[in-house]
Amino acid sequence: MNKDIKNIKDKNEEETWSQDFPFHKQNATLVGRREFAKMLALVSGGLALGSGLVAAKANFFPKEKVTGEHFVCNKKDIPVGGGRSFIIQGSDIPYLLIHLEDGSFKAYEQKCTHLSCSVYYKKGTGQIVCPCHNGYFNASDGSVMAGPPPRKLPQLQVIVKGDKLFVTAPSIESV
């Protein structure tokens, strides 16, 4: 009698399992290990090729360097403690022009040297802030004050001619 109860119990467990996890042998053979390995190799190869093309483009076809002086704005357009974003014609890199509290003007790339997040000048602190990972740069020289940025911000030279503000290409020591 115990054997009959055990057989009934085993059949009930088997039926429950079959309902919870339906399995059809013919569907299990649609994608085998060999087909999966081929697909995985194809996708991995495509990703490697794409990465190689991006690296080759960056190394063999670098962007043209910006040269000469470029007009940004008039002095009166930036209040003391204020900043202004701009892009130099012929470049797609955003820059930040700052009118510091001491009256001087500074210009830096507006991309953090950590992960290229956009930075901004925090008025009255003398700091350029990267909000993505709490990176802080010194507004007077672009050096790293705190956070994960590995190097200082690339700096442009600001030239004041009367009431007009011009910038030149980034200095070599800051790149």
C-alpha atoms as a PDB file:
ATOM      1  CA  MET A   1       0.000   0.000   0.000  1.00  0.00           C
ATOM      2  CA  ASN A   2       2.927   2.352   0.695  1.00  0.00           C
ATOM      3  CA  LYS A   3       4.205   1.692  -2.817  1.00  0.00           C
ATOM      4  CA  ASP A   4       0.876   2.733  -4.340  1.00  0.00           C
ATOM      5  CA  ILE A   5       0.857   5.989  -2.349  1.00  0.00           C
ATOM      6  CA  LYS A   6       4.452   6.655  -3.363  1.00  0.00           C
ATOM      7  CA  ASN A   7       3.671   6.036  -7.069  1.00  0.00           C
ATOM      8  CA  ILE A   8       0.649   8.365  -6.918  1.00  0.00           C
ATOM      9  CA  LYS A   9       2.766  11.013  -5.189  1.00  0.00           C
ATOM     10  CA  ASP A  10       5.536  10.666  -7.830  1.00  0.00           C
ATOM     11  CA  LYS A  11       2.981  11.012 -10.667  1.00  0.00           C
ATOM     12  CA  ASN A  12       1.494  14.145  -9.068  1.00  0.00           C
ATOM     13  CA  GLU A  13       4.955  15.711  -8.684  1.00  0.00           C
ATOM     14  CA  GLU A  14       5.783  14.860 -12.284  1.00  0.00           C
ATOM     15  CA  GLU A  15       2.553  16.394 -13.588  1.00  0.00           C
ATOM     16  CA  THR A  16       3.105  19.565 -11.556  1.00  0.00           C
ATOM     17  CA  TRP A  17       6.638  19.894 -12.840  1.00  0.00           C
ATOM     18  CA  SER A  18       5.494  19.365 -16.426  1.00  0.00           C
ATOM     19  CA  GLN A  19       2.890  22.094 -16.095  1.00  0.00           C
ATOM     20  CA  ASP A  20       5.268  24.572 -14.450  1.00  0.00           C
ATOM     21  CA  PHE A  21       8.126  23.968 -16.893  1.00  0.00           C
ATOM     22  CA  PRO A  22       6.820  22.760 -20.242  1.00  0.00           C
ATOM     23  CA  PHE A  23       9.632  21.179 -22.235  1.00  0.00           C
ATOM     24  CA  HIS A  24       9.451  20.087 -25.843  1.00  0.00           C
ATOM     25  CA  LYS A  25      12.468  18.252 -27.135  1.00  0.00           C
ATOM     26  CA  GLN A  26      12.074  19.512 -30.696  1.00  0.00           C
ATOM     27  CA  ASN A  27      12.317  23.152 -29.522  1.00  0.00           C
ATOM     28  CA  ALA A  28      15.476  22.453 -27.521  1.00  0.00           C
ATOM     29  CA  THR A  29      17.452  21.670 -30.665  1.00  0.00           C
ATOM     30  CA  LEU A  30      16.732  24.965 -32.475  1.00  0.00           C
ATOM     31  CA  VAL A  31      19.946  26.593 -31.179  1.00  0.00           C
ATOM     32  CA  GLY A  32      22.753  24.222 -30.384  1.00  0.00           C
ATOM     33  CA  ARG A  33      26.065  24.922 -28.731  1.00  0.00           C
ATOM     34  CA  ARG A  34      27.853  25.186 -32.067  1.00  0.00           C
ATOM     35  CA  GLU A  35      25.380  27.739 -33.460  1.00  0.00           C
ATOM     36  CA  PHE A  36      25.534  29.742 -30.234  1.00  0.00           C
ATOM     37  CA  ALA A  37      29.358  29.752 -30.298  1.00  0.00           C
ATOM     38  CA  LYS A  38      29.340  30.912 -33.946  1.00  0.00           C
ATOM     39  CA  MET A  39      26.935  33.754 -33.142  1.00  0.00           C
ATOM     40  CA  LEU A  40      28.995  34.762 -30.104  1.00  0.00           C
ATOM     41  CA  ALA A  41      32.206  34.802 -32.163  1.00  0.00           C
ATOM     42  CA  LEU A  42      30.527  36.858 -34.899  1.00  0.00           C
ATOM     43  CA  VAL A  43      29.212  39.476 -32.453  1.00  0.00           C
ATOM     44  CA  SER A  44      32.543  39.672 -30.601  1.00  0.00           C
ATOM     45  CA  GLY A  45      34.414  40.058 -33.884  1.00  0.00           C
ATOM     46  CA  GLY A  46      32.070  42.850 -34.976  1.00  0.00           C
ATOM     47  CA  LEU A  47      32.595  44.722 -31.708  1.00  0.00           C
ATOM     48  CA  ALA A  48      36.372  44.329 -31.961  1.00  0.00           C
ATOM     49  CA  LEU A  49      36.359  45.553 -35.567  1.00  0.00           C
ATOM     50  CA  GLY A  50      34.234  48.575 -34.643  1.00  0.00           C
ATOM     51  CA  SER A  51      36.529  49.483 -31.743  1.00  0.00           C
ATOM     52  CA  GLY A  52      39.554  49.127 -34.015  1.00  0.00           C
ATOM     53  CA  LEU A  53      38.028  51.465 -36.606  1.00  0.00           C
ATOM     54  CA  VAL A  54      37.296  54.116 -33.963  1.00  0.00           C
ATOM     55  CA  ALA A  55      40.863  53.884 -32.627  1.00  0.00           C
ATOM     56  CA  ALA A  56      42.325  54.043 -36.146  1.00  0.00           C
ATOM     57  CA  LYS A  57      40.243  57.118 -37.001  1.00  0.00           C
ATOM     58  CA  ALA A  58      41.384  58.892 -33.829  1.00  0.00           C
ATOM     59  CA  ASN A  59      45.073  58.101 -34.423  1.00  0.00           C
ATOM     60  CA  PHE A  60      45.388  58.444 -38.195  1.00  0.00           C
ATOM     61  CA  PHE A  61      42.917  61.275 -38.784  1.00  0.00           C
ATOM     62  CA  PRO A  62      43.286  63.656 -35.817  1.00  0.00           C
ATOM     63  CA  LYS A  63      41.167  66.792 -35.625  1.00  0.00           C
ATOM     64  CA  GLU A  64      42.728  69.953 -36.970  1.00  0.00           C
ATOM     65  CA  LYS A  65      44.272  72.148 -34.304  1.00  0.00           C
ATOM     66  CA  VAL A  66      42.757  75.538 -33.728  1.00  0.00           C
ATOM     67  CA  THR A  67      45.170  78.363 -34.464  1.00  0.00           C
ATOM     68  CA  GLY A  68      45.056  82.135 -34.252  1.00  0.00           C
ATOM     69  CA  GLU A  69      42.939  84.483 -32.197  1.00  0.00           C
ATOM     70  CA  HIS A  70      39.174  84.067 -31.971  1.00  0.00           C
ATOM     71  CA  PHE A  71      36.667  86.667 -30.814  1.00  0.00           C
ATOM     72  CA  VAL A  72      34.420  85.455 -27.990  1.00  0.00           C
ATOM     73  CA  CYS A  73      32.439  88.449 -26.691  1.00  0.00           C
ATOM     74  CA  ASN A  74      32.661  91.947 -25.244  1.00  0.00           C
ATOM     75  CA  LYS A  75      33.830  92.472 -21.643  1.00  0.00           C
ATOM     76  CA  LYS A  76      30.458  93.861 -20.589  1.00  0.00           C
ATOM     77  CA  ASP A  77      28.727  90.624 -21.699  1.00  0.00           C
ATOM     78  CA  ILE A  78      30.206  88.671 -18.761  1.00  0.00           C
ATOM     79  CA  PRO A  79      29.525  90.048 -15.266  1.00  0.00           C
ATOM     80  CA  VAL A  80      32.110  89.618 -12.506  1.00  0.00           C
ATOM     81  CA  GLY A  81      31.789  86.051 -11.190  1.00  0.00           C
ATOM     82  CA  GLY A  82      29.997  84.948 -14.332  1.00  0.00           C
ATOM     83  CA  GLY A  83      30.844  82.553 -17.099  1.00  0.00           C
ATOM     84  CA  ARG A  84      30.005  82.003 -20.728  1.00  0.00           C
ATOM     85  CA  SER A  85      30.142  78.897 -22.900  1.00  0.00           C
ATOM     86  CA  PHE A  86      31.433  79.223 -26.455  1.00  0.00           C
ATOM     87  CA  ILE A  87      32.703  77.176 -29.364  1.00  0.00           C
ATOM     88  CA  ILE A  88      35.559  78.272 -31.583  1.00  0.00           C
ATOM     89  CA  GLN A  89      34.718  78.214 -35.274  1.00  0.00           C
ATOM     90  CA  GLY A  90      36.211  75.095 -36.851  1.00  0.00           C
ATOM     91  CA  SER A  91      36.129  73.144 -33.586  1.00  0.00           C
ATOM     92  CA  ASP A  92      33.394  71.165 -31.879  1.00  0.00           C
ATOM     93  CA  ILE A  93      34.892  71.399 -28.394  1.00  0.00           C
ATOM     94  CA  PRO A  94      32.931  73.548 -25.914  1.00  0.00           C
ATOM     95  CA  TYR A  95      34.904  76.118 -23.906  1.00  0.00           C
ATOM     96  CA  LEU A  96      34.120  78.165 -20.808  1.00  0.00           C
ATOM     97  CA  LEU A  97      35.122  81.821 -20.402  1.00  0.00           C
ATOM     98  CA  ILE A  98      35.094  83.012 -16.772  1.00  0.00           C
ATOM     99  CA  HIS A  99      35.249  86.553 -15.360  1.00  0.00           C
ATOM    100  CA  LEU A 100      36.858  85.939 -11.955  1.00  0.00           C
ATOM    101  CA  GLU A 101      36.141  88.060  -8.914  1.00  0.00           C
ATOM    102  CA  ASP A 102      39.647  89.599  -9.103  1.00  0.00           C
ATOM    103  CA  GLY A 103      38.739  91.046 -12.525  1.00  0.00           C
ATOM    104  CA  SER A 104      40.796  88.628 -14.641  1.00  0.00           C
ATOM    105  CA  PHE A 105      39.439  86.445 -17.436  1.00  0.00           C
ATOM    106  CA  LYS A 106      40.204  82.722 -17.820  1.00  0.00           C
ATOM    107  CA  ALA A 107      39.127  80.247 -20.492  1.00  0.00           C
ATOM    108  CA  TYR A 108      39.140  76.444 -20.251  1.00  0.00           C
ATOM    109  CA  GLU A 109      37.742  73.452 -22.085  1.00  0.00           C
ATOM    110  CA  GLN A 110      34.296  72.809 -20.682  1.00  0.00           C
ATOM    111  CA  LYS A 111      34.810  69.039 -20.537  1.00  0.00           C
ATOM    112  CA  CYS A 112      36.036  67.369 -17.342  1.00  0.00           C
ATOM    113  CA  THR A 113      39.277  65.448 -17.786  1.00  0.00           C
ATOM    114  CA  HIS A 114      37.740  62.449 -15.991  1.00  0.00           C
ATOM    115  CA  LEU A 115      34.786  61.417 -18.187  1.00  0.00           C
ATOM    116  CA  SER A 116      34.142  64.541 -20.301  1.00  0.00           C
ATOM    117  CA  CYS A 117      31.148  65.766 -18.295  1.00  0.00           C
ATOM    118  CA  SER A 118      30.299  69.434 -18.720  1.00  0.00           C
ATOM    119  CA  VAL A 119      31.831  71.681 -16.039  1.00  0.00           C
ATOM    120  CA  TYR A 120      30.667  75.071 -14.758  1.00  0.00           C
ATOM    121  CA  TYR A 121      32.050  77.938 -12.679  1.00  0.00           C
ATOM    122  CA  LYS A 122      30.615  78.245  -9.167  1.00  0.00           C
ATOM    123  CA  LYS A 123      30.416  81.968  -8.456  1.00  0.00           C
ATOM    124  CA  GLY A 124      32.348  83.243  -5.437  1.00  0.00           C
ATOM    125  CA  THR A 125      34.228  80.000  -4.755  1.00  0.00           C
ATOM    126  CA  GLY A 126      37.059  80.171  -7.265  1.00  0.00           C
ATOM    127  CA  GLN A 127      36.137  76.636  -8.338  1.00  0.00           C
ATOM    128  CA  ILE A 128      35.115  75.016 -11.559  1.00  0.00           C
ATOM    129  CA  VAL A 129      32.793  72.128 -10.676  1.00  0.00           C
ATOM    130  CA  CYS A 130      32.129  68.830 -12.440  1.00  0.00           C
ATOM    131  CA  PRO A 131      28.722  67.693 -11.137  1.00  0.00           C
ATOM    132  CA  CYS A 132      28.987  64.128 -12.457  1.00  0.00           C
ATOM    133  CA  HIS A 133      31.551  62.809  -9.955  1.00  0.00           C
ATOM    134  CA  ASN A 134      32.209  65.823  -7.680  1.00  0.00           C
ATOM    135  CA  GLY A 135      35.386  66.958  -9.387  1.00  0.00           C
ATOM    136  CA  TYR A 136      36.719  70.425  -8.536  1.00  0.00           C
ATOM    137  CA  PHE A 137      39.225  72.523 -10.472  1.00  0.00           C
ATOM    138  CA  ASN A 138      40.949  75.748  -9.451  1.00  0.00           C
ATOM    139  CA  ALA A 139      39.486  78.554 -11.571  1.00  0.00           C
ATOM    140  CA  SER A 140      42.753  80.530 -11.662  1.00  0.00           C
ATOM    141  CA  ASP A 141      44.928  77.827 -13.238  1.00  0.00           C
ATOM    142  CA  GLY A 142      42.646  74.829 -14.022  1.00  0.00           C
ATOM    143  CA  SER A 143      44.452  72.465 -11.648  1.00  0.00           C
ATOM    144  CA  VAL A 144      42.593  69.635  -9.905  1.00  0.00           C
ATOM    145  CA  MET A 145      41.484  70.483  -6.369  1.00  0.00           C
ATOM    146  CA  ALA A 146      39.442  67.384  -5.515  1.00  0.00           C
ATOM    147  CA  GLY A 147      37.678  64.394  -7.017  1.00  0.00           C
ATOM    148  CA  PRO A 148      38.569  61.869  -9.694  1.00  0.00           C
ATOM    149  CA  PRO A 149      39.864  64.083 -12.556  1.00  0.00           C
ATOM    150  CA  PRO A 150      43.369  62.855 -13.494  1.00  0.00           C
ATOM    151  CA  ARG A 151      44.751  66.137 -14.891  1.00  0.00           C
ATOM    152  CA  LYS A 152      44.021  69.846 -15.073  1.00  0.00           C
ATOM    153  CA  LEU A 153      41.656  71.433 -17.570  1.00  0.00           C
ATOM    154  CA  PRO A 154      43.165  72.481 -20.908  1.00  0.00           C
ATOM    155  CA  GLN A 155      43.432  76.268 -20.808  1.00  0.00           C
ATOM    156  CA  LEU A 156      43.078  78.875 -23.529  1.00  0.00           C
ATOM    157  CA  GLN A 157      44.943  82.152 -23.408  1.00  0.00           C
ATOM    158  CA  VAL A 158      42.575  85.120 -23.036  1.00  0.00           C
ATOM    159  CA  ILE A 159      43.579  88.324 -24.821  1.00  0.00           C
ATOM    160  CA  VAL A 160      41.830  91.591 -23.954  1.00  0.00           C
ATOM    161  CA  LYS A 161      41.826  94.181 -26.738  1.00  0.00           C
ATOM    162  CA  GLY A 162      39.952  97.250 -25.566  1.00  0.00           C
ATOM    163  CA  ASP A 163      36.423  96.057 -24.782  1.00  0.00           C
ATOM    164  CA  LYS A 164      36.732  92.795 -26.738  1.00  0.00           C
ATOM    165  CA  LEU A 165      37.802  89.360 -25.485  1.00  0.00           C
ATOM    166  CA  PHE A 166      39.742  86.985 -27.727  1.00  0.00           C
ATOM    167  CA  VAL A 167      41.162  83.502 -27.067  1.00  0.00           C
ATOM    168  CA  THR A 168      43.990  81.523 -28.635  1.00  0.00           C
ATOM    169  CA  ALA A 169      44.537  77.763 -28.890  1.00  0.00           C
ATOM    170  CA  PRO A 170      45.153  75.740 -25.698  1.00  0.00           C
ATOM    171  CA  SER A 171      48.644  76.124 -24.301  1.00  0.00           C
ATOM    172  CA  ILE A 172      50.882  73.064 -24.744  1.00  0.00           C
ATOM    173  CA  GLU A 173      51.604  72.641 -21.028  1.00  0.00           C
ATOM    174  CA  SER A 174      47.892  72.345 -20.164  1.00  0.00           C
ATOM    175  CA  VAL A 175      47.047  69.660 -22.736  1.00  0.00           C
END
